Amino acid sequence: MPKMKTNSSAKKRFSLTGTGKIKRKCAFKSHILTKKTTKQKRNLTQAALVDKADMGNVKRMLCIGK
C-alpha cells in the first residue's frame, strides 16, 4: 500500500503541541481591521487549539494516527 500524503495546506496551517493537541491561528485577522477594536485584534493574535469535533479531519489531513 502506498504512503499517505500529508495535505500541503494543512501542514502550513497547523502545528502539534508537546501533549499531542493541534494548534491553529485565529481567523478574521487578515483584513477589514479598521472596524475591529484593539482588544479584538490583540485577542485574535493568540494561537488557539483545534476543537474536538474537527480533530479527526485535521489529523487525517496531517496523516497523524488516532
PDB file of N, CA and C in Angstrom:
ATOM      1  N   MET A   1       0.847  -1.187   0.000  1.00  0.00           N
ATOM      2  CA  MET A   1       0.000   0.000   0.000  1.00  0.00           C
ATOM      3  C   MET A   1       0.893   1.251   0.000  1.00  0.00           C
ATOM      4  N   PRO A   2       0.551   2.288  -0.796  1.00  0.00           N
ATOM      5  CA  PRO A   2       1.406   3.482  -0.846  1.00  0.00           C
ATOM      6  C   PRO A   2       1.306   4.308   0.436  1.00  0.00           C
ATOM      7  N   LYS A   3       2.311   5.134   0.631  1.00  0.00           N
ATOM      8  CA  LYS A   3       2.317   6.010   1.797  1.00  0.00           C
ATOM      9  C   LYS A   3       1.239   7.071   1.640  1.00  0.00           C
ATOM     10  N   MET A   4       0.718   7.535   2.773  1.00  0.00           N
ATOM     11  CA  MET A   4      -0.269   8.610   2.768  1.00  0.00           C
ATOM     12  C   MET A   4       0.454   9.936   2.540  1.00  0.00           C
ATOM     13  N   LYS A   5      -0.140  10.822   1.743  1.00  0.00           N
ATOM     14  CA  LYS A   5       0.434  12.142   1.524  1.00  0.00           C
ATOM     15  C   LYS A   5      -0.198  13.131   2.495  1.00  0.00           C
ATOM     16  N   THR A   6       0.637  13.932   3.129  1.00  0.00           N
ATOM     17  CA  THR A   6       0.163  14.995   4.001  1.00  0.00           C
ATOM     18  C   THR A   6      -0.418  16.108   3.145  1.00  0.00           C
ATOM     19  N   ASN A   7      -1.552  16.648   3.575  1.00  0.00           N
ATOM     20  CA  ASN A   7      -2.170  17.769   2.879  1.00  0.00           C
ATOM     21  C   ASN A   7      -1.276  18.995   3.044  1.00  0.00           C
ATOM     22  N   SER A   8      -0.810  19.565   1.923  1.00  0.00           N
ATOM     23  CA  SER A   8       0.165  20.661   1.965  1.00  0.00           C
ATOM     24  C   SER A   8      -0.391  21.908   2.641  1.00  0.00           C
ATOM     25  N   SER A   9      -1.656  22.216   2.433  1.00  0.00           N
ATOM     26  CA  SER A   9      -2.219  23.412   3.063  1.00  0.00           C
ATOM     27  C   SER A   9      -2.354  23.212   4.570  1.00  0.00           C
ATOM     28  N   ALA A  10      -2.643  21.983   4.987  1.00  0.00           N
ATOM     29  CA  ALA A  10      -2.808  21.707   6.418  1.00  0.00           C
ATOM     30  C   ALA A  10      -1.480  21.789   7.159  1.00  0.00           C
ATOM     31  N   LYS A  11      -0.405  21.299   6.545  1.00  0.00           N
ATOM     32  CA  LYS A  11       0.882  21.328   7.260  1.00  0.00           C
ATOM     33  C   LYS A  11       1.410  22.748   7.439  1.00  0.00           C
ATOM     34  N   LYS A  12       0.927  23.691   6.614  1.00  0.00           N
ATOM     35  CA  LYS A  12       1.307  25.096   6.781  1.00  0.00           C
ATOM     36  C   LYS A  12       0.464  25.788   7.860  1.00  0.00           C
ATOM     37  N   ARG A  13      -0.728  25.281   8.110  1.00  0.00           N
ATOM     38  CA  ARG A  13      -1.674  25.962   8.996  1.00  0.00           C
ATOM     39  C   ARG A  13      -1.722  25.424  10.419  1.00  0.00           C
ATOM     40  N   PHE A  14      -1.339  24.177  10.626  1.00  0.00           N
ATOM     41  CA  PHE A  14      -1.460  23.546  11.939  1.00  0.00           C
ATOM     42  C   PHE A  14      -0.097  23.094  12.449  1.00  0.00           C
ATOM     43  N   SER A  15       0.052  23.083  13.784  1.00  0.00           N
ATOM     44  CA  SER A  15       1.266  22.528  14.376  1.00  0.00           C
ATOM     45  C   SER A  15       0.888  21.747  15.626  1.00  0.00           C
ATOM     46  N   LEU A  16       1.700  20.753  15.949  1.00  0.00           N
ATOM     47  CA  LEU A  16       1.433  19.863  17.068  1.00  0.00           C
ATOM     48  C   LEU A  16       2.076  20.412  18.341  1.00  0.00           C
ATOM     49  N   THR A  17       1.377  20.296  19.461  1.00  0.00           N
ATOM     50  CA  THR A  17       1.954  20.666  20.750  1.00  0.00           C
ATOM     51  C   THR A  17       2.649  19.435  21.331  1.00  0.00           C
ATOM     52  N   GLY A  18       3.332  19.623  22.416  1.00  0.00           N
ATOM     53  CA  GLY A  18       4.034  18.523  23.059  1.00  0.00           C
ATOM     54  C   GLY A  18       3.104  17.450  23.599  1.00  0.00           C
ATOM     55  N   THR A  19       1.885  17.830  23.971  1.00  0.00           N
ATOM     56  CA  THR A  19       0.930  16.870  24.531  1.00  0.00           C
ATOM     57  C   THR A  19       0.054  16.225  23.459  1.00  0.00           C
ATOM     58  N   GLY A  20       0.289  16.576  22.180  1.00  0.00           N
ATOM     59  CA  GLY A  20      -0.459  15.942  21.098  1.00  0.00           C
ATOM     60  C   GLY A  20      -1.672  16.720  20.621  1.00  0.00           C
ATOM     61  N   LYS A  21      -1.913  17.894  21.198  1.00  0.00           N
ATOM     62  CA  LYS A  21      -3.011  18.725  20.711  1.00  0.00           C
ATOM     63  C   LYS A  21      -2.544  19.461  19.460  1.00  0.00           C
ATOM     64  N   ILE A  22      -3.498  20.007  18.709  1.00  0.00           N
ATOM     65  CA  ILE A  22      -3.158  20.685  17.461  1.00  0.00           C
ATOM     66  C   ILE A  22      -3.458  22.175  17.593  1.00  0.00           C
ATOM     67  N   LYS A  23      -2.432  23.001  17.331  1.00  0.00           N
ATOM     68  CA  LYS A  23      -2.559  24.450  17.408  1.00  0.00           C
ATOM     69  C   LYS A  23      -2.978  25.015  16.062  1.00  0.00           C
ATOM     70  N   ARG A  24      -3.720  26.120  16.101  1.00  0.00           N
ATOM     71  CA  ARG A  24      -4.142  26.799  14.875  1.00  0.00           C
ATOM     72  C   ARG A  24      -4.131  28.295  15.132  1.00  0.00           C
ATOM     73  N   LYS A  25      -4.184  29.073  14.060  1.00  0.00           N
ATOM     74  CA  LYS A  25      -4.301  30.524  14.186  1.00  0.00           C
ATOM     75  C   LYS A  25      -5.774  30.907  14.172  1.00  0.00           C
ATOM     76  N   CYS A  26      -6.088  32.071  14.732  1.00  0.00           N
ATOM     77  CA  CYS A  26      -7.456  32.567  14.726  1.00  0.00           C
ATOM     78  C   CYS A  26      -7.770  33.221  13.385  1.00  0.00           C
ATOM     79  N   ALA A  27      -9.020  33.114  12.974  1.00  0.00           N
ATOM     80  CA  ALA A  27      -9.483  33.742  11.735  1.00  0.00           C
ATOM     81  C   ALA A  27      -9.822  35.215  11.993  1.00  0.00           C
ATOM     82  N   PHE A  28     -10.181  35.930  10.940  1.00  0.00           N
ATOM     83  CA  PHE A  28     -10.651  37.333  10.994  1.00  0.00           C
ATOM     84  C   PHE A  28      -9.550  38.318  11.392  1.00  0.00           C
ATOM     85  N   LYS A  29      -8.296  38.033  11.067  1.00  0.00           N
ATOM     86  CA  LYS A  29      -7.205  38.939  11.418  1.00  0.00           C
ATOM     87  C   LYS A  29      -6.459  39.434  10.177  1.00  0.00           C
ATOM     88  N   SER A  30      -6.982  39.144   8.971  1.00  0.00           N
ATOM     89  CA  SER A  30      -6.214  39.458   7.773  1.00  0.00           C
ATOM     90  C   SER A  30      -6.572  40.803   7.131  1.00  0.00           C
ATOM     91  N   HIS A  31      -7.830  41.188   7.134  1.00  0.00           N
ATOM     92  CA  HIS A  31      -8.214  42.454   6.505  1.00  0.00           C
ATOM     93  C   HIS A  31      -9.475  42.990   7.159  1.00  0.00           C
ATOM     94  N   ILE A  32      -9.889  44.195   6.749  1.00  0.00           N
ATOM     95  CA  ILE A  32     -11.006  44.941   7.372  1.00  0.00           C
ATOM     96  C   ILE A  32     -10.758  45.062   8.875  1.00  0.00           C
ATOM     97  N   LEU A  33      -9.571  45.562   9.221  1.00  0.00           N
ATOM     98  CA  LEU A  33      -9.195  45.658  10.627  1.00  0.00           C
ATOM     99  C   LEU A  33      -9.575  47.006  11.242  1.00  0.00           C
ATOM    100  N   THR A  34     -10.013  47.967  10.419  1.00  0.00           N
ATOM    101  CA  THR A  34     -10.304  49.303  10.943  1.00  0.00           C
ATOM    102  C   THR A  34     -11.531  49.306  11.854  1.00  0.00           C
ATOM    103  N   LYS A  35     -12.509  48.473  11.559  1.00  0.00           N
ATOM    104  CA  LYS A  35     -13.720  48.460  12.383  1.00  0.00           C
ATOM    105  C   LYS A  35     -13.603  47.583  13.622  1.00  0.00           C
ATOM    106  N   LYS A  36     -12.525  46.809  13.731  1.00  0.00           N
ATOM    107  CA  LYS A  36     -12.332  45.947  14.896  1.00  0.00           C
ATOM    108  C   LYS A  36     -11.564  46.709  15.970  1.00  0.00           C
ATOM    109  N   THR A  37     -11.932  46.457  17.216  1.00  0.00           N
ATOM    110  CA  THR A  37     -11.269  47.156  18.316  1.00  0.00           C
ATOM    111  C   THR A  37      -9.866  46.603  18.522  1.00  0.00           C
ATOM    112  N   THR A  38      -9.052  47.368  19.212  1.00  0.00           N
ATOM    113  CA  THR A  38      -7.674  46.940  19.507  1.00  0.00           C
ATOM    114  C   THR A  38      -7.687  45.659  20.326  1.00  0.00           C
ATOM    115  N   LYS A  39      -8.620  45.568  21.255  1.00  0.00           N
ATOM    116  CA  LYS A  39      -8.737  44.379  22.107  1.00  0.00           C
ATOM    117  C   LYS A  39      -9.062  43.143  21.273  1.00  0.00           C
ATOM    118  N   GLN A  40      -9.991  43.304  20.324  1.00  0.00           N
ATOM    119  CA  GLN A  40     -10.354  42.195  19.431  1.00  0.00           C
ATOM    120  C   GLN A  40      -9.138  41.709  18.652  1.00  0.00           C
ATOM    121  N   LYS A  41      -8.424  42.664  18.060  1.00  0.00           N
ATOM    122  CA  LYS A  41      -7.264  42.319  17.231  1.00  0.00           C
ATOM    123  C   LYS A  41      -6.169  41.669  18.068  1.00  0.00           C
ATOM    124  N   ARG A  42      -5.963  42.147  19.275  1.00  0.00           N
ATOM    125  CA  ARG A  42      -4.953  41.581  20.162  1.00  0.00           C
ATOM    126  C   ARG A  42      -5.310  40.137  20.536  1.00  0.00           C
ATOM    127  N   ASN A  43      -6.592  39.892  20.825  1.00  0.00           N
ATOM    128  CA  ASN A  43      -7.025  38.540  21.200  1.00  0.00           C
ATOM    129  C   ASN A  43      -6.975  37.573  20.024  1.00  0.00           C
ATOM    130  N   LEU A  44      -7.145  38.082  18.799  1.00  0.00           N
ATOM    131  CA  LEU A  44      -7.075  37.223  17.619  1.00  0.00           C
ATOM    132  C   LEU A  44      -5.635  36.823  17.282  1.00  0.00           C
ATOM    133  N   THR A  45      -4.658  37.516  17.873  1.00  0.00           N
ATOM    134  CA  THR A  45      -3.255  37.190  17.634  1.00  0.00           C
ATOM    135  C   THR A  45      -2.858  35.891  18.333  1.00  0.00           C
ATOM    136  N   GLN A  46      -3.537  35.571  19.439  1.00  0.00           N
ATOM    137  CA  GLN A  46      -3.201  34.378  20.218  1.00  0.00           C
ATOM    138  C   GLN A  46      -3.505  33.109  19.423  1.00  0.00           C
ATOM    139  N   ALA A  47      -2.713  32.078  19.632  1.00  0.00           N
ATOM    140  CA  ALA A  47      -2.964  30.781  18.999  1.00  0.00           C
ATOM    141  C   ALA A  47      -4.094  30.086  19.747  1.00  0.00           C
ATOM    142  N   ALA A  48      -4.870  29.300  19.028  1.00  0.00           N
ATOM    143  CA  ALA A  48      -5.964  28.548  19.631  1.00  0.00           C
ATOM    144  C   ALA A  48      -5.752  27.064  19.340  1.00  0.00           C
ATOM    145  N   LEU A  49      -6.550  26.230  19.985  1.00  0.00           N
ATOM    146  CA  LEU A  49      -6.474  24.788  19.759  1.00  0.00           C
ATOM    147  C   LEU A  49      -7.624  24.359  18.858  1.00  0.00           C
ATOM    148  N   VAL A  50      -7.392  23.325  18.074  1.00  0.00           N
ATOM    149  CA  VAL A  50      -8.427  22.778  17.198  1.00  0.00           C
ATOM    150  C   VAL A  50      -9.484  22.116  18.074  1.00  0.00           C
ATOM    151  N   ASP A  51     -10.748  22.338  17.762  1.00  0.00           N
ATOM    152  CA  ASP A  51     -11.859  21.777  18.516  1.00  0.00           C
ATOM    153  C   ASP A  51     -11.897  20.256  18.375  1.00  0.00           C
ATOM    154  N   LYS A  52     -12.458  19.596  19.397  1.00  0.00           N
ATOM    155  CA  LYS A  52     -12.528  18.137  19.417  1.00  0.00           C
ATOM    156  C   LYS A  52     -13.311  17.594  18.217  1.00  0.00           C
ATOM    157  N   ALA A  53     -14.343  18.336  17.786  1.00  0.00           N
ATOM    158  CA  ALA A  53     -15.176  17.895  16.663  1.00  0.00           C
ATOM    159  C   ALA A  53     -14.399  17.885  15.350  1.00  0.00           C
ATOM    160  N   ASP A  54     -13.413  18.768  15.206  1.00  0.00           N
ATOM    161  CA  ASP A  54     -12.633  18.869  13.974  1.00  0.00           C
ATOM    162  C   ASP A  54     -11.321  18.090  14.026  1.00  0.00           C
ATOM    163  N   MET A  55     -10.994  17.545  15.188  1.00  0.00           N
ATOM    164  CA  MET A  55      -9.700  16.899  15.381  1.00  0.00           C
ATOM    165  C   MET A  55      -9.482  15.732  14.418  1.00  0.00           C
ATOM    166  N   GLY A  56     -10.500  14.927  14.169  1.00  0.00           N
ATOM    167  CA  GLY A  56     -10.359  13.783  13.273  1.00  0.00           C
ATOM    168  C   GLY A  56     -10.009  14.188  11.857  1.00  0.00           C
ATOM    169  N   ASN A  57     -10.695  15.207  11.346  1.00  0.00           N
ATOM    170  CA  ASN A  57     -10.426  15.688   9.989  1.00  0.00           C
ATOM    171  C   ASN A  57      -9.021  16.255   9.861  1.00  0.00           C
ATOM    172  N   VAL A  58      -8.595  17.025  10.857  1.00  0.00           N
ATOM    173  CA  VAL A  58      -7.266  17.644  10.804  1.00  0.00           C
ATOM    174  C   VAL A  58      -6.191  16.568  10.902  1.00  0.00           C
ATOM    175  N   LYS A  59      -6.376  15.593  11.786  1.00  0.00           N
ATOM    176  CA  LYS A  59      -5.399  14.504  11.921  1.00  0.00           C
ATOM    177  C   LYS A  59      -5.294  13.693  10.631  1.00  0.00           C
ATOM    178  N   ARG A  60      -6.413  13.513   9.956  1.00  0.00           N
ATOM    179  CA  ARG A  60      -6.399  12.775   8.686  1.00  0.00           C
ATOM    180  C   ARG A  60      -5.604  13.557   7.636  1.00  0.00           C
ATOM    181  N   MET A  61      -5.789  14.883   7.602  1.00  0.00           N
ATOM    182  CA  MET A  61      -5.048  15.721   6.653  1.00  0.00           C
ATOM    183  C   MET A  61      -3.557  15.720   6.934  1.00  0.00           C
ATOM    184  N   LEU A  62      -3.200  15.641   8.229  1.00  0.00           N
ATOM    185  CA  LEU A  62      -1.795  15.665   8.621  1.00  0.00           C
ATOM    186  C   LEU A  62      -1.188  14.252   8.680  1.00  0.00           C
ATOM    187  N   CYS A  63      -1.995  13.239   8.419  1.00  0.00           N
ATOM    188  CA  CYS A  63      -1.553  11.832   8.469  1.00  0.00           C
ATOM    189  C   CYS A  63      -1.008  11.467   9.844  1.00  0.00           C
ATOM    190  N   ILE A  64      -1.732  11.876  10.896  1.00  0.00           N
ATOM    191  CA  ILE A  64      -1.361  11.525  12.254  1.00  0.00           C
ATOM    192  C   ILE A  64      -2.282  10.398  12.696  1.00  0.00           C
ATOM    193  N   GLY A  65      -1.726   9.365  13.285  1.00  0.00           N
ATOM    194  CA  GLY A  65      -2.525   8.241  13.765  1.00  0.00           C
ATOM    195  C   GLY A  65      -3.446   8.643  14.882  1.00  0.00           C
ATOM    196  N   LYS A  66      -4.563   7.929  15.027  1.00  0.00           N
ATOM    197  CA  LYS A  66      -5.547   8.283  16.059  1.00  0.00           C
ATOM    198  C   LYS A  66      -5.195   7.741  17.406  1.00  0.00           C
TER     199      LYS A  66
END
